[in-house]
Amino acid sequence: MSGKPKRGRAVLIDGKAYVRAADGSQVPAVGRTDFARLDAMSAEEIESGAVSDADALTMSDDDWAAAEVAKPAKVAMTMKLDSDVLDWFRGNGKGYQTRINAVLRRYMEAQKKAG
């Protein structure tokens, strides 16, 4: 083992970050940022803390320019749903197709886990 921490990959579902759990399911990402403490710090304190953080990954401007957001490819298709199911998803506001996709993904992952 190299000793480097394993870097995870997050996906966006309805604008929220999800990460893969040990069982293979997607779970909401939980941040550990103390925003109140961060808001109370000066820009110099923030920069100093970031530079001195041994766990921080240093990235150059070139690294950031080459960075890509990883998300599964979307495929357009026609699908028939029961009207009450579609009405329920639509009734919860914008992003209903993304929520339907998230439900189907969780079902798929549960089926994979079950074998």
Protein backbone atom coordinates (compact mmCIF):
# COMPACT_ATOMS: atom_id res chain seq x y z
CA MET A 1 0.00 0.00 0.00
CA SER A 2 1.38 3.42 -0.94
CA GLY A 3 0.21 5.26 2.18
CA LYS A 4 -1.60 7.89 0.11
CA PRO A 5 -5.21 8.52 1.12
CA LYS A 6 -7.74 7.10 -1.31
CA ARG A 7 -9.48 9.92 -3.18
CA GLY A 8 -13.19 9.48 -3.69
CA ARG A 9 -15.38 10.68 -6.50
CA ALA A 10 -18.58 12.58 -5.97
CA VAL A 11 -21.54 12.89 -8.31
CA LEU A 12 -24.15 15.63 -8.32
CA ILE A 13 -27.76 14.56 -7.90
CA ASP A 14 -30.25 17.42 -7.94
CA GLY A 15 -27.42 19.85 -7.23
CA LYS A 16 -26.18 17.99 -4.13
CA ALA A 17 -22.94 16.00 -3.86
CA TYR A 18 -23.19 12.25 -3.29
CA VAL A 19 -20.35 9.80 -2.66
CA ARG A 20 -20.18 6.02 -2.95
CA ALA A 21 -20.52 4.23 0.40
CA ALA A 22 -18.67 1.01 1.25
CA ASP A 23 -21.72 -1.04 0.22
CA GLY A 24 -21.74 0.62 -3.22
CA SER A 25 -24.74 2.89 -2.65
CA GLN A 26 -24.71 6.66 -3.20
CA VAL A 27 -25.04 8.67 0.03
CA PRO A 28 -25.09 12.45 0.55
CA ALA A 29 -21.61 13.86 1.02
CA VAL A 30 -21.10 15.33 4.46
CA GLY A 31 -18.84 18.35 4.66
CA ARG A 32 -16.57 18.95 7.61
CA THR A 33 -16.07 22.68 7.07
CA ASP A 34 -16.63 24.92 10.08
CA PHE A 35 -18.05 27.87 8.13
CA ALA A 36 -18.53 30.06 11.24
CA ARG A 37 -14.82 29.71 12.08
CA LEU A 38 -13.86 30.28 8.46
CA ASP A 39 -15.99 33.44 8.25
CA ALA A 40 -14.19 34.81 11.32
CA MET A 41 -10.73 34.34 9.76
CA SER A 42 -8.86 36.89 7.67
CA ALA A 43 -7.77 36.07 4.12
CA GLU A 44 -4.16 35.87 5.38
CA GLU A 45 -5.10 33.35 8.08
CA ILE A 46 -6.97 31.22 5.57
CA GLU A 47 -4.06 31.27 3.10
CA SER A 48 -1.54 30.47 5.84
CA GLY A 49 -3.65 27.56 7.07
CA ALA A 50 -4.08 26.15 3.58
CA VAL A 51 -0.35 26.36 2.80
CA SER A 52 0.63 24.69 6.09
CA ASP A 53 -1.95 21.85 5.81
CA ALA A 54 0.01 18.62 5.30
CA ASP A 55 -3.13 16.88 3.97
CA ALA A 56 -3.88 19.54 1.37
CA LEU A 57 -3.37 18.61 -2.25
CA THR A 58 -1.46 21.35 -3.99
CA MET A 59 -2.78 22.11 -7.44
CA SER A 60 -1.27 24.53 -9.89
CA ASP A 61 -3.29 26.73 -12.23
CA ASP A 62 -2.47 24.19 -14.96
CA ASP A 63 -3.86 21.36 -12.80
CA TRP A 64 -7.10 23.28 -12.26
CA ALA A 65 -7.32 24.13 -15.97
CA ALA A 66 -7.09 20.42 -16.81
CA ALA A 67 -9.58 19.34 -14.12
CA GLU A 68 -12.83 17.73 -15.27
CA VAL A 69 -16.11 17.17 -13.50
CA ALA A 70 -16.96 13.48 -13.63
CA LYS A 71 -20.61 12.61 -14.12
CA PRO A 72 -22.31 9.67 -15.78
CA ALA A 73 -23.39 10.25 -19.37
CA LYS A 74 -27.08 11.01 -19.84
CA VAL A 75 -29.05 9.22 -22.55
CA ALA A 76 -32.29 10.65 -23.95
CA MET A 77 -35.08 8.08 -24.09
CA THR A 78 -38.83 7.71 -24.00
CA MET A 79 -40.32 6.04 -20.95
CA LYS A 80 -43.89 5.47 -19.85
CA LEU A 81 -44.63 6.10 -16.17
CA ASP A 82 -47.87 5.90 -14.24
CA SER A 83 -49.43 9.37 -14.24
CA ASP A 84 -49.67 9.57 -10.45
CA VAL A 85 -45.96 8.71 -10.09
CA LEU A 86 -44.95 11.36 -12.62
CA ASP A 87 -47.32 13.92 -11.06
CA TRP A 88 -45.79 13.26 -7.64
CA PHE A 89 -42.23 13.78 -8.88
CA ARG A 90 -43.22 16.89 -10.85
CA GLY A 91 -45.13 18.22 -7.84
CA ASN A 92 -41.89 18.36 -5.86
CA GLY A 93 -40.50 21.03 -8.16
CA LYS A 94 -37.77 21.51 -10.69
CA GLY A 95 -35.33 18.65 -11.14
CA TYR A 96 -37.92 15.86 -11.13
CA GLN A 97 -36.07 13.91 -13.85
CA THR A 98 -32.90 14.02 -11.77
CA ARG A 99 -34.81 12.76 -8.74
CA ILE A 100 -36.34 9.93 -10.78
CA ASN A 101 -32.82 9.05 -11.95
CA ALA A 102 -31.57 9.07 -8.33
CA VAL A 103 -34.36 6.68 -7.27
CA LEU A 104 -33.58 4.35 -10.17
CA ARG A 105 -29.85 4.52 -9.34
CA ARG A 106 -30.48 3.56 -5.72
CA TYR A 107 -32.65 0.66 -6.85
CA MET A 108 -29.94 -0.47 -9.28
CA GLU A 109 -27.29 -0.29 -6.55
CA ALA A 110 -29.48 -2.25 -4.11
CA GLN A 111 -30.00 -4.94 -6.76
CA LYS A 112 -26.26 -5.12 -7.45
CA LYS A 113 -25.56 -5.43 -3.72
CA ALA A 114 -28.16 -8.18 -3.37
CA GLY A 115 -26.50 -10.09 -6.20
